[in-house]
């Protein structure tokens, strides 16, 4: 077990190892519409045997998706009320190598007619914001950094929620 200092109490805190992210969940208003979006946007594949159904009536309430390169599953959870509350929130930021890769994403998203921002200068690198059918926002953010001479575009409408 690792021991870390707890600066609040001055004592030691014991932590246990983590194994990474198991899955990410988005609230959606329509499972099939969202499935088609994430298939087009990220090349996601539905894992049908992992569908979530209620035990009392067998009704379907979630799809589990495999997303190449994401490193964990993506759950689309049917919850229209929560989906409306999360509109324009951006809980997921996915790393891309550099600005050149981001430019390729911009072209692909445009070709597929997927709503997205232009390339935005962010605090450390560049990013694109993508909106799903429920206006959940996903960011693609470069691992490549720019220098301090480039200031972040904080006024960009795609960065406000």
Protein backbone atom coordinates (compact mmCIF):
# COMPACT_ATOMS: atom_id res chain seq x y z
CA UNK A 1 0.00 0.00 0.00
CA UNK A 2 1.13 3.49 -0.80
CA UNK A 3 1.27 6.08 1.91
CA UNK A 4 0.60 9.69 1.13
CA UNK A 5 0.76 12.70 3.37
CA UNK A 6 -2.58 14.24 4.30
CA UNK A 7 -1.86 17.94 4.53
CA UNK A 8 -5.18 18.73 6.18
CA UNK A 9 -4.70 16.58 9.27
CA UNK A 10 -0.93 16.14 9.17
CA UNK A 11 -1.36 12.35 9.25
CA UNK A 12 -0.73 9.61 6.71
CA UNK A 13 -3.46 8.45 4.32
CA UNK A 14 -3.45 4.95 2.91
CA UNK A 15 -4.44 4.58 -0.75
CA UNK A 16 -5.14 1.48 -2.77
CA UNK A 17 -4.20 0.93 -6.42
CA UNK A 18 -6.63 1.90 -9.15
CA UNK A 19 -7.00 -0.04 -12.39
CA UNK A 20 -8.08 2.77 -14.72
CA UNK A 21 -11.51 3.92 -15.85
CA UNK A 22 -14.08 1.15 -16.21
CA UNK A 23 -16.56 3.11 -18.32
CA UNK A 24 -17.91 6.56 -19.07
CA UNK A 25 -21.65 7.27 -19.05
CA UNK A 26 -23.75 9.80 -20.96
CA UNK A 27 -27.42 10.45 -20.27
CA UNK A 28 -29.37 10.44 -23.55
CA UNK A 29 -32.95 10.98 -24.70
CA UNK A 30 -32.91 8.38 -27.50
CA UNK A 31 -30.66 5.30 -27.39
CA UNK A 32 -30.69 4.51 -31.11
CA UNK A 33 -30.11 8.09 -32.22
CA UNK A 34 -27.16 8.40 -29.82
CA UNK A 35 -25.80 5.00 -30.86
CA UNK A 36 -25.76 6.08 -34.51
CA UNK A 37 -24.01 9.33 -33.59
CA UNK A 38 -21.21 7.61 -31.62
CA UNK A 39 -20.81 5.00 -34.36
CA UNK A 40 -20.27 7.81 -36.89
CA UNK A 41 -18.18 10.05 -34.62
CA UNK A 42 -15.90 7.56 -32.83
CA UNK A 43 -16.36 4.29 -34.71
CA UNK A 44 -18.11 2.88 -31.63
CA UNK A 45 -19.53 -0.65 -31.69
CA UNK A 46 -22.46 -1.73 -29.57
CA UNK A 47 -21.79 -4.70 -27.31
CA UNK A 48 -25.33 -6.16 -27.54
CA UNK A 49 -24.73 -8.80 -24.86
CA UNK A 50 -23.97 -5.99 -22.41
CA UNK A 51 -27.27 -4.15 -23.02
CA UNK A 52 -28.89 -3.14 -19.74
CA UNK A 53 -32.50 -4.25 -19.27
CA UNK A 54 -34.82 -3.87 -16.32
CA UNK A 55 -35.49 -7.14 -14.53
CA UNK A 56 -39.19 -6.44 -13.97
CA UNK A 57 -40.29 -5.77 -17.57
CA UNK A 58 -37.18 -6.39 -19.72
CA UNK A 59 -37.19 -2.85 -21.06
CA UNK A 60 -33.91 -1.61 -22.49
CA UNK A 61 -32.33 1.36 -20.70
CA UNK A 62 -28.66 1.40 -21.73
CA UNK A 63 -26.24 0.44 -24.50
CA UNK A 64 -22.61 -0.33 -23.79
CA UNK A 65 -20.22 0.66 -26.58
CA UNK A 66 -16.66 -0.27 -27.38
CA UNK A 67 -14.74 2.74 -28.69
CA UNK A 68 -11.39 2.16 -30.43
CA UNK A 69 -8.58 3.96 -28.61
CA UNK A 70 -10.74 5.22 -25.73
CA UNK A 71 -9.38 2.73 -23.21
CA UNK A 72 -12.74 2.03 -21.59
CA UNK A 73 -16.36 1.39 -22.51
CA UNK A 74 -18.92 4.11 -23.17
CA UNK A 75 -22.41 3.71 -21.72
CA UNK A 76 -25.40 5.45 -23.26
CA UNK A 77 -28.02 5.61 -20.49
CA UNK A 78 -31.62 6.43 -21.35
CA UNK A 79 -32.43 9.28 -18.98
CA UNK A 80 -34.11 12.19 -20.81
CA UNK A 81 -34.44 14.41 -17.73
CA UNK A 82 -30.73 14.12 -16.88
CA UNK A 83 -29.76 14.56 -20.55
CA UNK A 84 -31.60 17.89 -20.62
CA UNK A 85 -29.80 19.03 -17.45
CA UNK A 86 -26.37 18.18 -18.92
CA UNK A 87 -26.80 20.05 -22.20
CA UNK A 88 -23.60 21.79 -23.28
CA UNK A 89 -21.59 20.25 -20.44
CA UNK A 90 -18.28 18.65 -21.53
CA UNK A 91 -17.44 15.73 -19.21
CA UNK A 92 -15.12 13.94 -21.63
CA UNK A 93 -11.88 15.17 -23.20
CA UNK A 94 -10.05 12.74 -25.49
CA UNK A 95 -6.37 13.20 -26.29
CA UNK A 96 -5.12 13.41 -29.87
CA UNK A 97 -1.44 13.56 -30.78
CA UNK A 98 -1.02 17.02 -32.25
CA UNK A 99 -2.53 19.87 -34.20
CA UNK A 100 -2.10 17.98 -37.47
CA UNK A 101 -4.21 15.12 -36.07
CA UNK A 102 -6.78 17.65 -34.89
CA UNK A 103 -6.92 19.14 -38.40
CA UNK A 104 -7.61 15.64 -39.77
CA UNK A 105 -10.43 15.26 -37.22
CA UNK A 106 -11.84 18.62 -38.29
CA UNK A 107 -11.93 17.44 -41.90
CA UNK A 108 -13.50 14.08 -41.00
CA UNK A 109 -16.16 15.65 -38.77
CA UNK A 110 -17.01 18.16 -41.51
CA UNK A 111 -17.20 15.36 -44.10
CA UNK A 112 -19.56 13.37 -41.83
CA UNK A 113 -21.63 16.49 -41.13
CA UNK A 114 -21.06 16.20 -37.37
CA UNK A 115 -21.64 19.44 -35.47
CA UNK A 116 -18.36 20.71 -34.04
CA UNK A 117 -16.37 23.80 -33.26
CA UNK A 118 -13.51 25.12 -35.34
CA UNK A 119 -10.05 24.43 -33.96
CA UNK A 120 -9.76 26.47 -30.77
CA UNK A 121 -6.59 27.67 -29.06
CA UNK A 122 -6.83 26.27 -25.52
CA UNK A 123 -4.72 26.84 -22.42
CA UNK A 124 -1.96 24.37 -23.34
CA UNK A 125 -2.79 23.07 -26.81
CA UNK A 126 -5.64 23.11 -29.32
CA UNK A 127 -9.06 21.52 -29.20
CA UNK A 128 -12.27 20.81 -31.05
CA UNK A 129 -15.63 20.53 -29.29
CA UNK A 130 -18.18 18.05 -30.65
CA UNK A 131 -21.86 18.03 -29.71
CA UNK A 132 -23.90 14.83 -29.66
CA UNK A 133 -27.66 14.79 -30.40
CA UNK A 134 -28.43 15.68 -26.74
CA UNK A 135 -25.82 18.44 -26.74
CA UNK A 136 -23.42 16.47 -24.55
CA UNK A 137 -20.04 17.87 -25.50
CA UNK A 138 -16.89 15.86 -26.12
CA UNK A 139 -13.54 17.55 -26.60
CA UNK A 140 -10.60 16.40 -28.68
CA UNK A 141 -7.50 18.00 -27.14
CA UNK A 142 -3.93 17.88 -28.44
CA UNK A 143 -1.08 16.43 -26.42
CA UNK A 144 1.12 18.82 -28.40
CA UNK A 145 1.45 22.11 -26.54
CA UNK A 146 1.85 25.61 -27.84
CA UNK A 147 3.93 28.32 -26.24
CA UNK A 148 2.86 31.20 -23.99
CA UNK A 149 2.72 33.52 -26.98
CA UNK A 150 -0.64 31.96 -27.89
CA UNK A 151 -3.42 33.01 -25.56
CA UNK A 152 -6.46 30.77 -25.01
CA UNK A 153 -9.62 31.76 -26.83
CA UNK A 154 -11.64 32.07 -23.61
CA UNK A 155 -14.43 34.03 -25.30
CA UNK A 156 -15.18 31.24 -27.77
CA UNK A 157 -18.87 30.28 -27.62
CA UNK A 158 -17.95 26.56 -27.71
CA UNK A 159 -16.14 26.90 -24.38
CA UNK A 160 -19.13 28.37 -22.55
CA UNK A 161 -21.79 26.12 -21.06
